[in-house]
Amino acid sequence: MGCLHNRLKVLELGINRISQEGIDSIAEYMGKHNSLEYLCLASNCIKSFSDIKLLVNSFGKNKISTEEF
């Protein structure tokens, strides 16, 4: 059985008081793994685009083939 982080497709983290430190950790994960298809961060402590800039920049670092898509 493979590692969980290689199979994770959906991550629902709404209403969790996630702060800048948490967002940065998620961005680090996103930069290393490409299996995630859905990420919900609704109703957290995100106040502006600058709070999620590192996270947004981590999207697309790992390319997904058309077969995987």
PDB file of N, CA and C in Angstrom:
ATOM      1  N   MET A   1       0.849  -1.180   0.000  1.00  0.00           N
ATOM      2  CA  MET A   1       0.000   0.000   0.000  1.00  0.00           C
ATOM      3  C   MET A   1       0.893   1.241   0.000  1.00  0.00           C
ATOM      4  N   GLY A   2       0.601   2.196  -0.881  1.00  0.00           N
ATOM      5  CA  GLY A   2       1.387   3.417  -0.984  1.00  0.00           C
ATOM      6  C   GLY A   2       1.135   4.360   0.177  1.00  0.00           C
ATOM      7  N   CYS A   3       1.969   5.362   0.268  1.00  0.00           N
ATOM      8  CA  CYS A   3       1.808   6.361   1.319  1.00  0.00           C
ATOM      9  C   CYS A   3       0.536   7.166   1.102  1.00  0.00           C
ATOM     10  N   LEU A   4      -0.089   7.585   2.185  1.00  0.00           N
ATOM     11  CA  LEU A   4      -1.330   8.347   2.109  1.00  0.00           C
ATOM     12  C   LEU A   4      -1.151   9.623   1.304  1.00  0.00           C
ATOM     13  N   HIS A   5      -0.029  10.329   1.496  1.00  0.00           N
ATOM     14  CA  HIS A   5       0.147  11.610   0.811  1.00  0.00           C
ATOM     15  C   HIS A   5       0.255  11.459  -0.700  1.00  0.00           C
ATOM     16  N   ASN A   6       0.537  10.273  -1.183  1.00  0.00           N
ATOM     17  CA  ASN A   6       0.596  10.040  -2.626  1.00  0.00           C
ATOM     18  C   ASN A   6      -0.772   9.730  -3.207  1.00  0.00           C
ATOM     19  N   ARG A   7      -1.778   9.508  -2.354  1.00  0.00           N
ATOM     20  CA  ARG A   7      -3.109   9.159  -2.811  1.00  0.00           C
ATOM     21  C   ARG A   7      -4.153  10.198  -2.434  1.00  0.00           C
ATOM     22  N   LEU A   8      -3.799  11.175  -1.660  1.00  0.00           N
ATOM     23  CA  LEU A   8      -4.744  12.179  -1.181  1.00  0.00           C
ATOM     24  C   LEU A   8      -5.294  12.990  -2.344  1.00  0.00           C
ATOM     25  N   LYS A   9      -6.608  12.969  -2.521  1.00  0.00           N
ATOM     26  CA  LYS A   9      -7.264  13.680  -3.615  1.00  0.00           C
ATOM     27  C   LYS A   9      -8.057  14.880  -3.123  1.00  0.00           C
ATOM     28  N   VAL A  10      -8.671  14.777  -1.950  1.00  0.00           N
ATOM     29  CA  VAL A  10      -9.527  15.828  -1.411  1.00  0.00           C
ATOM     30  C   VAL A  10      -9.054  16.181  -0.009  1.00  0.00           C
ATOM     31  N   LEU A  11      -8.912  17.476   0.245  1.00  0.00           N
ATOM     32  CA  LEU A  11      -8.521  17.949   1.566  1.00  0.00           C
ATOM     33  C   LEU A  11      -9.480  19.064   1.967  1.00  0.00           C
ATOM     34  N   GLU A  12     -10.362  18.774   2.893  1.00  0.00           N
ATOM     35  CA  GLU A  12     -11.400  19.691   3.359  1.00  0.00           C
ATOM     36  C   GLU A  12     -10.949  20.267   4.703  1.00  0.00           C
ATOM     37  N   LEU A  13     -10.536  21.529   4.697  1.00  0.00           N
ATOM     38  CA  LEU A  13     -10.017  22.168   5.906  1.00  0.00           C
ATOM     39  C   LEU A  13     -10.799  23.420   6.275  1.00  0.00           C
ATOM     40  N   GLY A  14     -12.034  23.497   5.847  1.00  0.00           N
ATOM     41  CA  GLY A  14     -12.860  24.657   6.163  1.00  0.00           C
ATOM     42  C   GLY A  14     -13.148  24.756   7.652  1.00  0.00           C
ATOM     43  N   ILE A  15     -13.301  25.979   8.123  1.00  0.00           N
ATOM     44  CA  ILE A  15     -13.640  26.302   9.514  1.00  0.00           C
ATOM     45  C   ILE A  15     -12.655  25.655  10.491  1.00  0.00           C
ATOM     46  N   ASN A  16     -11.382  25.957  10.326  1.00  0.00           N
ATOM     47  CA  ASN A  16     -10.346  25.386  11.188  1.00  0.00           C
ATOM     48  C   ASN A  16      -9.393  26.416  11.776  1.00  0.00           C
ATOM     49  N   ARG A  17      -9.665  27.698  11.586  1.00  0.00           N
ATOM     50  CA  ARG A  17      -8.789  28.761  12.099  1.00  0.00           C
ATOM     51  C   ARG A  17      -7.349  28.619  11.594  1.00  0.00           C
ATOM     52  N   ILE A  18      -7.209  28.186  10.365  1.00  0.00           N
ATOM     53  CA  ILE A  18      -5.873  28.039   9.778  1.00  0.00           C
ATOM     54  C   ILE A  18      -5.288  29.416   9.554  1.00  0.00           C
ATOM     55  N   SER A  19      -4.069  29.591  10.028  1.00  0.00           N
ATOM     56  CA  SER A  19      -3.385  30.884   9.946  1.00  0.00           C
ATOM     57  C   SER A  19      -2.301  30.837   8.870  1.00  0.00           C
ATOM     58  N   GLN A  20      -1.500  31.873   8.812  1.00  0.00           N
ATOM     59  CA  GLN A  20      -0.417  31.971   7.829  1.00  0.00           C
ATOM     60  C   GLN A  20       0.532  30.782   7.926  1.00  0.00           C
ATOM     61  N   GLU A  21       0.873  30.365   9.114  1.00  0.00           N
ATOM     62  CA  GLU A  21       1.783  29.230   9.299  1.00  0.00           C
ATOM     63  C   GLU A  21       1.193  27.952   8.690  1.00  0.00           C
ATOM     64  N   GLY A  22      -0.091  27.725   8.905  1.00  0.00           N
ATOM     65  CA  GLY A  22      -0.751  26.558   8.332  1.00  0.00           C
ATOM     66  C   GLY A  22      -0.819  26.611   6.822  1.00  0.00           C
ATOM     67  N   ILE A  23      -1.129  27.787   6.292  1.00  0.00           N
ATOM     68  CA  ILE A  23      -1.176  27.974   4.835  1.00  0.00           C
ATOM     69  C   ILE A  23       0.191  27.684   4.225  1.00  0.00           C
ATOM     70  N   ASP A  24       1.250  28.171   4.870  1.00  0.00           N
ATOM     71  CA  ASP A  24       2.601  27.927   4.361  1.00  0.00           C
ATOM     72  C   ASP A  24       2.944  26.436   4.377  1.00  0.00           C
ATOM     73  N   SER A  25       2.476  25.712   5.383  1.00  0.00           N
ATOM     74  CA  SER A  25       2.709  24.266   5.444  1.00  0.00           C
ATOM     75  C   SER A  25       1.964  23.547   4.328  1.00  0.00           C
ATOM     76  N   ILE A  26       0.754  23.967   4.058  1.00  0.00           N
ATOM     77  CA  ILE A  26      -0.018  23.379   2.955  1.00  0.00           C
ATOM     78  C   ILE A  26       0.684  23.660   1.631  1.00  0.00           C
ATOM     79  N   ALA A  27       1.199  24.871   1.473  1.00  0.00           N
ATOM     80  CA  ALA A  27       1.923  25.230   0.248  1.00  0.00           C
ATOM     81  C   ALA A  27       3.154  24.354   0.062  1.00  0.00           C
ATOM     82  N   GLU A  28       3.849  24.079   1.152  1.00  0.00           N
ATOM     83  CA  GLU A  28       5.028  23.212   1.077  1.00  0.00           C
ATOM     84  C   GLU A  28       4.621  21.811   0.609  1.00  0.00           C
ATOM     85  N   TYR A  29       3.519  21.304   1.158  1.00  0.00           N
ATOM     86  CA  TYR A  29       2.995  20.002   0.738  1.00  0.00           C
ATOM     87  C   TYR A  29       2.633  20.021  -0.749  1.00  0.00           C
ATOM     88  N   MET A  30       1.915  21.050  -1.171  1.00  0.00           N
ATOM     89  CA  MET A  30       1.470  21.145  -2.560  1.00  0.00           C
ATOM     90  C   MET A  30       2.645  21.202  -3.523  1.00  0.00           C
ATOM     91  N   GLY A  31       3.748  21.778  -3.096  1.00  0.00           N
ATOM     92  CA  GLY A  31       4.921  21.861  -3.950  1.00  0.00           C
ATOM     93  C   GLY A  31       5.621  20.527  -4.138  1.00  0.00           C
ATOM     94  N   LYS A  32       5.327  19.560  -3.267  1.00  0.00           N
ATOM     95  CA  LYS A  32       5.993  18.260  -3.322  1.00  0.00           C
ATOM     96  C   LYS A  32       5.113  17.146  -3.864  1.00  0.00           C
ATOM     97  N   HIS A  33       3.795  17.297  -3.785  1.00  0.00           N
ATOM     98  CA  HIS A  33       2.880  16.220  -4.153  1.00  0.00           C
ATOM     99  C   HIS A  33       1.847  16.731  -5.151  1.00  0.00           C
ATOM    100  N   ASN A  34       1.495  15.895  -6.111  1.00  0.00           N
ATOM    101  CA  ASN A  34       0.577  16.351  -7.146  1.00  0.00           C
ATOM    102  C   ASN A  34      -0.754  15.622  -7.161  1.00  0.00           C
ATOM    103  N   SER A  35      -1.061  14.848  -6.150  1.00  0.00           N
ATOM    104  CA  SER A  35      -2.296  14.059  -6.184  1.00  0.00           C
ATOM    105  C   SER A  35      -3.531  14.856  -5.766  1.00  0.00           C
ATOM    106  N   LEU A  36      -3.361  15.963  -5.069  1.00  0.00           N
ATOM    107  CA  LEU A  36      -4.494  16.717  -4.552  1.00  0.00           C
ATOM    108  C   LEU A  36      -5.290  17.360  -5.688  1.00  0.00           C
ATOM    109  N   GLU A  37      -6.605  17.111  -5.694  1.00  0.00           N
ATOM    110  CA  GLU A  37      -7.495  17.656  -6.719  1.00  0.00           C
ATOM    111  C   GLU A  37      -8.431  18.729  -6.174  1.00  0.00           C
ATOM    112  N   TYR A  38      -8.684  18.697  -4.875  1.00  0.00           N
ATOM    113  CA  TYR A  38      -9.621  19.644  -4.270  1.00  0.00           C
ATOM    114  C   TYR A  38      -9.095  20.063  -2.910  1.00  0.00           C
ATOM    115  N   LEU A  39      -9.036  21.358  -2.678  1.00  0.00           N
ATOM    116  CA  LEU A  39      -8.594  21.912  -1.403  1.00  0.00           C
ATOM    117  C   LEU A  39      -9.587  22.976  -0.971  1.00  0.00           C
ATOM    118  N   CYS A  40     -10.212  22.777   0.185  1.00  0.00           N
ATOM    119  CA  CYS A  40     -11.150  23.763   0.715  1.00  0.00           C
ATOM    120  C   CYS A  40     -10.536  24.432   1.939  1.00  0.00           C
ATOM    121  N   LEU A  41     -10.470  25.752   1.896  1.00  0.00           N
ATOM    122  CA  LEU A  41      -9.949  26.539   3.015  1.00  0.00           C
ATOM    123  C   LEU A  41     -10.958  27.590   3.457  1.00  0.00           C
ATOM    124  N   ALA A  42     -12.227  27.362   3.180  1.00  0.00           N
ATOM    125  CA  ALA A  42     -13.269  28.340   3.513  1.00  0.00           C
ATOM    126  C   ALA A  42     -13.343  28.595   5.012  1.00  0.00           C
ATOM    127  N   SER A  43     -13.666  29.828   5.359  1.00  0.00           N
ATOM    128  CA  SER A  43     -13.894  30.231   6.750  1.00  0.00           C
ATOM    129  C   SER A  43     -12.701  29.952   7.657  1.00  0.00           C
ATOM    130  N   ASN A  44     -11.523  30.344   7.207  1.00  0.00           N
ATOM    131  CA  ASN A  44     -10.318  30.269   8.028  1.00  0.00           C
ATOM    132  C   ASN A  44      -9.813  31.688   8.281  1.00  0.00           C
ATOM    133  N   CYS A  45      -8.598  31.820   8.760  1.00  0.00           N
ATOM    134  CA  CYS A  45      -8.036  33.129   9.100  1.00  0.00           C
ATOM    135  C   CYS A  45      -7.240  33.717   7.939  1.00  0.00           C
ATOM    136  N   ILE A  46      -7.759  33.582   6.726  1.00  0.00           N
ATOM    137  CA  ILE A  46      -7.124  34.115   5.529  1.00  0.00           C
ATOM    138  C   ILE A  46      -7.756  35.476   5.262  1.00  0.00           C
ATOM    139  N   LYS A  47      -6.942  36.510   5.303  1.00  0.00           N
ATOM    140  CA  LYS A  47      -7.482  37.864   5.203  1.00  0.00           C
ATOM    141  C   LYS A  47      -7.249  38.527   3.852  1.00  0.00           C
ATOM    142  N   SER A  48      -6.234  38.072   3.123  1.00  0.00           N
ATOM    143  CA  SER A  48      -5.931  38.714   1.850  1.00  0.00           C
ATOM    144  C   SER A  48      -5.185  37.752   0.934  1.00  0.00           C
ATOM    145  N   PHE A  49      -5.044  38.155  -0.315  1.00  0.00           N
ATOM    146  CA  PHE A  49      -4.303  37.345  -1.279  1.00  0.00           C
ATOM    147  C   PHE A  49      -2.865  37.137  -0.820  1.00  0.00           C
ATOM    148  N   SER A  50      -2.262  38.126  -0.192  1.00  0.00           N
ATOM    149  CA  SER A  50      -0.868  37.982   0.247  1.00  0.00           C
ATOM    150  C   SER A  50      -0.726  36.840   1.258  1.00  0.00           C
ATOM    151  N   ASP A  51      -1.802  36.529   1.995  1.00  0.00           N
ATOM    152  CA  ASP A  51      -1.768  35.417   2.943  1.00  0.00           C
ATOM    153  C   ASP A  51      -1.631  34.069   2.232  1.00  0.00           C
ATOM    154  N   ILE A  52      -2.129  33.972   1.007  1.00  0.00           N
ATOM    155  CA  ILE A  52      -2.098  32.691   0.293  1.00  0.00           C
ATOM    156  C   ILE A  52      -1.182  32.709  -0.936  1.00  0.00           C
ATOM    157  N   LYS A  53      -0.393  33.751  -1.083  1.00  0.00           N
ATOM    158  CA  LYS A  53       0.462  33.884  -2.270  1.00  0.00           C
ATOM    159  C   LYS A  53       1.386  32.679  -2.445  1.00  0.00           C
ATOM    160  N   LEU A  54       2.040  32.223  -1.387  1.00  0.00           N
ATOM    161  CA  LEU A  54       2.932  31.073  -1.478  1.00  0.00           C
ATOM    162  C   LEU A  54       2.152  29.824  -1.880  1.00  0.00           C
ATOM    163  N   LEU A  55       0.952  29.667  -1.332  1.00  0.00           N
ATOM    164  CA  LEU A  55       0.108  28.521  -1.672  1.00  0.00           C
ATOM    165  C   LEU A  55      -0.279  28.553  -3.148  1.00  0.00           C
ATOM    166  N   VAL A  56      -0.728  29.689  -3.627  1.00  0.00           N
ATOM    167  CA  VAL A  56      -1.132  29.822  -5.024  1.00  0.00           C
ATOM    168  C   VAL A  56       0.042  29.540  -5.953  1.00  0.00           C
ATOM    169  N   ASN A  57       1.215  30.018  -5.579  1.00  0.00           N
ATOM    170  CA  ASN A  57       2.396  29.788  -6.409  1.00  0.00           C
ATOM    171  C   ASN A  57       2.832  28.328  -6.427  1.00  0.00           C
ATOM    172  N   SER A  58       2.401  27.536  -5.448  1.00  0.00           N
ATOM    173  CA  SER A  58       2.780  26.128  -5.408  1.00  0.00           C
ATOM    174  C   SER A  58       1.953  25.281  -6.366  1.00  0.00           C
ATOM    175  N   PHE A  59       0.784  25.782  -6.801  1.00  0.00           N
ATOM    176  CA  PHE A  59      -0.041  25.038  -7.745  1.00  0.00           C
ATOM    177  C   PHE A  59       0.676  24.905  -9.070  1.00  0.00           C
ATOM    178  N   GLY A  60       0.605  23.732  -9.655  1.00  0.00           N
ATOM    179  CA  GLY A  60       1.183  23.512 -10.972  1.00  0.00           C
ATOM    180  C   GLY A  60       2.660  23.202 -10.975  1.00  0.00           C
ATOM    181  N   LYS A  61       3.303  23.122  -9.814  1.00  0.00           N
ATOM    182  CA  LYS A  61       4.725  22.792  -9.803  1.00  0.00           C
ATOM    183  C   LYS A  61       4.959  21.353 -10.234  1.00  0.00           C
ATOM    184  N   ASN A  62       4.035  20.486  -9.918  1.00  0.00           N
ATOM    185  CA  ASN A  62       4.098  19.096 -10.352  1.00  0.00           C
ATOM    186  C   ASN A  62       3.100  18.924 -11.480  1.00  0.00           C
ATOM    187  N   LYS A  63       3.577  18.577 -12.631  1.00  0.00           N
ATOM    188  CA  LYS A  63       2.706  18.439 -13.790  1.00  0.00           C
ATOM    189  C   LYS A  63       1.928  17.133 -13.742  1.00  0.00           C
ATOM    190  N   ILE A  64       0.682  17.177 -14.129  1.00  0.00           N
ATOM    191  CA  ILE A  64      -0.179  16.009 -14.174  1.00  0.00           C
ATOM    192  C   ILE A  64      -0.409  15.669 -15.637  1.00  0.00           C
ATOM    193  N   SER A  65      -0.199  14.413 -15.972  1.00  0.00           N
ATOM    194  CA  SER A  65      -0.395  13.987 -17.355  1.00  0.00           C
ATOM    195  C   SER A  65      -1.886  13.948 -17.680  1.00  0.00           C
ATOM    196  N   THR A  66      -2.208  13.914 -18.950  1.00  0.00           N
ATOM    197  CA  THR A  66      -3.612  13.843 -19.350  1.00  0.00           C
ATOM    198  C   THR A  66      -4.239  12.536 -18.899  1.00  0.00           C
ATOM    199  N   GLU A  67      -3.443  11.463 -18.785  1.00  0.00           N
ATOM    200  CA  GLU A  67      -3.953  10.185 -18.297  1.00  0.00           C
ATOM    201  C   GLU A  67      -4.349  10.285 -16.829  1.00  0.00           C
ATOM    202  N   GLU A  68      -3.586  11.017 -16.044  1.00  0.00           N
ATOM    203  CA  GLU A  68      -3.895  11.186 -14.621  1.00  0.00           C
ATOM    204  C   GLU A  68      -5.085  12.123 -14.435  1.00  0.00           C
ATOM    205  N   PHE A  69      -5.243  13.075 -15.337  1.00  0.00           N
ATOM    206  CA  PHE A  69      -6.312  14.049 -15.232  1.00  0.00           C
ATOM    207  C   PHE A  69      -7.611  13.397 -15.562  1.00  0.00           C
TER     208      PHE A  69
END
